[in-house]
Amino acid sequence: MLFLIVSHWLEHVGEPDCAATAWNSVWMPLTVFQLLAILEIIHVAIGLVRSQLMTTVIQVVSRVGLVGAAWLS
């Protein structure tokens, strides 16, 4: 992700819409990886990771929700 953002910035530095077009560079990998974060919930639920289920659910849902809100805007 960092590589995509930095490479986009270096290619479009000085352009007025540089920040606005950054989303076009990162939306697909960001969406895929945040949706895969749902596996964290499954890992906690089946006992692969020792963590609180509700804490993990809140963290994952908030991250996925933020990506979803950015995707819809």
C-alpha atoms as a PDB file:
ATOM      1  CA  MET A   1       0.000   0.000   0.000  1.00  0.00           C
ATOM      2  CA  LEU A   2       2.731   2.409   0.941  1.00  0.00           C
ATOM      3  CA  PHE A   3       4.537   1.653  -2.325  1.00  0.00           C
ATOM      4  CA  LEU A   4       1.395   2.391  -4.341  1.00  0.00           C
ATOM      5  CA  ILE A   5       0.752   5.661  -2.551  1.00  0.00           C
ATOM      6  CA  VAL A   6       4.354   6.860  -2.825  1.00  0.00           C
ATOM      7  CA  SER A   7       4.669   5.882  -6.485  1.00  0.00           C
ATOM      8  CA  HIS A   8       1.403   7.653  -7.261  1.00  0.00           C
ATOM      9  CA  TRP A   9       2.570  10.752  -5.445  1.00  0.00           C
ATOM     10  CA  LEU A  10       5.928  10.753  -7.260  1.00  0.00           C
ATOM     11  CA  GLU A  11       4.225  10.434 -10.643  1.00  0.00           C
ATOM     12  CA  HIS A  12       1.660  13.163  -9.964  1.00  0.00           C
ATOM     13  CA  VAL A  13       3.520  15.563  -7.679  1.00  0.00           C
ATOM     14  CA  GLY A  14       2.491  19.127  -8.310  1.00  0.00           C
ATOM     15  CA  GLU A  15      -0.791  18.243  -9.978  1.00  0.00           C
ATOM     16  CA  PRO A  16      -3.824  19.811  -8.311  1.00  0.00           C
ATOM     17  CA  ASP A  17      -5.771  16.547  -8.121  1.00  0.00           C
ATOM     18  CA  CYS A  18      -2.912  14.370  -6.834  1.00  0.00           C
ATOM     19  CA  ALA A  19      -4.645  13.475  -3.567  1.00  0.00           C
ATOM     20  CA  ALA A  20      -8.006  12.963  -5.233  1.00  0.00           C
ATOM     21  CA  THR A  21      -6.615  10.516  -7.791  1.00  0.00           C
ATOM     22  CA  ALA A  22      -4.637   8.563  -5.192  1.00  0.00           C
ATOM     23  CA  TRP A  23      -7.764   6.527  -4.420  1.00  0.00           C
ATOM     24  CA  ASN A  24      -7.723   5.208  -7.992  1.00  0.00           C
ATOM     25  CA  SER A  25      -4.288   3.726  -7.316  1.00  0.00           C
ATOM     26  CA  VAL A  26      -5.039   2.008  -4.024  1.00  0.00           C
ATOM     27  CA  TRP A  27      -8.736   1.127  -3.891  1.00  0.00           C
ATOM     28  CA  MET A  28      -8.476  -2.471  -5.149  1.00  0.00           C
ATOM     29  CA  PRO A  29      -5.654  -3.808  -2.930  1.00  0.00           C
ATOM     30  CA  LEU A  30      -6.948  -1.853   0.058  1.00  0.00           C
ATOM     31  CA  THR A  31     -10.428  -3.298  -0.355  1.00  0.00           C
ATOM     32  CA  VAL A  32      -9.159  -6.863  -0.816  1.00  0.00           C
ATOM     33  CA  PHE A  33      -6.872  -6.777   2.213  1.00  0.00           C
ATOM     34  CA  GLN A  34      -9.451  -5.184   4.478  1.00  0.00           C
ATOM     35  CA  LEU A  35     -12.060  -7.740   3.452  1.00  0.00           C
ATOM     36  CA  LEU A  36      -9.536 -10.487   4.169  1.00  0.00           C
ATOM     37  CA  ALA A  37      -9.255  -9.021   7.665  1.00  0.00           C
ATOM     38  CA  ILE A  38     -12.576 -10.742   8.309  1.00  0.00           C
ATOM     39  CA  LEU A  39     -10.444 -13.870   8.678  1.00  0.00           C
ATOM     40  CA  GLU A  40      -9.201 -12.374  11.945  1.00  0.00           C
ATOM     41  CA  ILE A  41     -12.692 -12.829  13.362  1.00  0.00           C
ATOM     42  CA  ILE A  42     -12.799 -16.433  12.217  1.00  0.00           C
ATOM     43  CA  HIS A  43      -9.357 -17.138  13.715  1.00  0.00           C
ATOM     44  CA  VAL A  44     -10.451 -15.794  17.080  1.00  0.00           C
ATOM     45  CA  ALA A  45     -13.765 -17.637  16.934  1.00  0.00           C
ATOM     46  CA  ILE A  46     -12.156 -21.033  16.290  1.00  0.00           C
ATOM     47  CA  GLY A  47      -9.344 -20.460  18.785  1.00  0.00           C
ATOM     48  CA  LEU A  48      -6.318 -20.007  16.535  1.00  0.00           C
ATOM     49  CA  VAL A  49      -5.629 -16.648  18.161  1.00  0.00           C
ATOM     50  CA  ARG A  50      -6.038 -15.898  21.841  1.00  0.00           C
ATOM     51  CA  SER A  51      -7.923 -12.636  21.836  1.00  0.00           C
ATOM     52  CA  GLN A  52     -11.296 -11.274  22.816  1.00  0.00           C
ATOM     53  CA  LEU A  53     -13.879 -11.917  20.123  1.00  0.00           C
ATOM     54  CA  MET A  54     -15.809  -8.669  20.602  1.00  0.00           C
ATOM     55  CA  THR A  55     -12.641  -6.563  20.531  1.00  0.00           C
ATOM     56  CA  THR A  56     -11.576  -8.176  17.268  1.00  0.00           C
ATOM     57  CA  VAL A  57     -15.054  -7.801  15.766  1.00  0.00           C
ATOM     58  CA  ILE A  58     -15.169  -4.092  16.634  1.00  0.00           C
ATOM     59  CA  GLN A  59     -11.705  -3.460  15.171  1.00  0.00           C
ATOM     60  CA  VAL A  60     -12.344  -5.340  11.931  1.00  0.00           C
ATOM     61  CA  VAL A  61     -15.831  -3.913  11.407  1.00  0.00           C
ATOM     62  CA  SER A  62     -14.553  -0.370  11.922  1.00  0.00           C
ATOM     63  CA  ARG A  63     -11.743  -0.823   9.392  1.00  0.00           C
ATOM     64  CA  VAL A  64     -13.973  -2.499   6.821  1.00  0.00           C
ATOM     65  CA  GLY A  65     -16.602   0.180   7.407  1.00  0.00           C
ATOM     66  CA  LEU A  66     -14.115   2.974   6.772  1.00  0.00           C
ATOM     67  CA  VAL A  67     -12.982   1.379   3.524  1.00  0.00           C
ATOM     68  CA  GLY A  68     -16.607   0.858   2.537  1.00  0.00           C
ATOM     69  CA  ALA A  69     -17.435   4.490   3.258  1.00  0.00           C
ATOM     70  CA  ALA A  70     -14.462   5.666   1.202  1.00  0.00           C
ATOM     71  CA  TRP A  71     -15.427   3.295  -1.582  1.00  0.00           C
ATOM     72  CA  LEU A  72     -18.978   4.658  -1.705  1.00  0.00           C
ATOM     73  CA  SER A  73     -17.942   8.306  -1.702  1.00  0.00           C
END
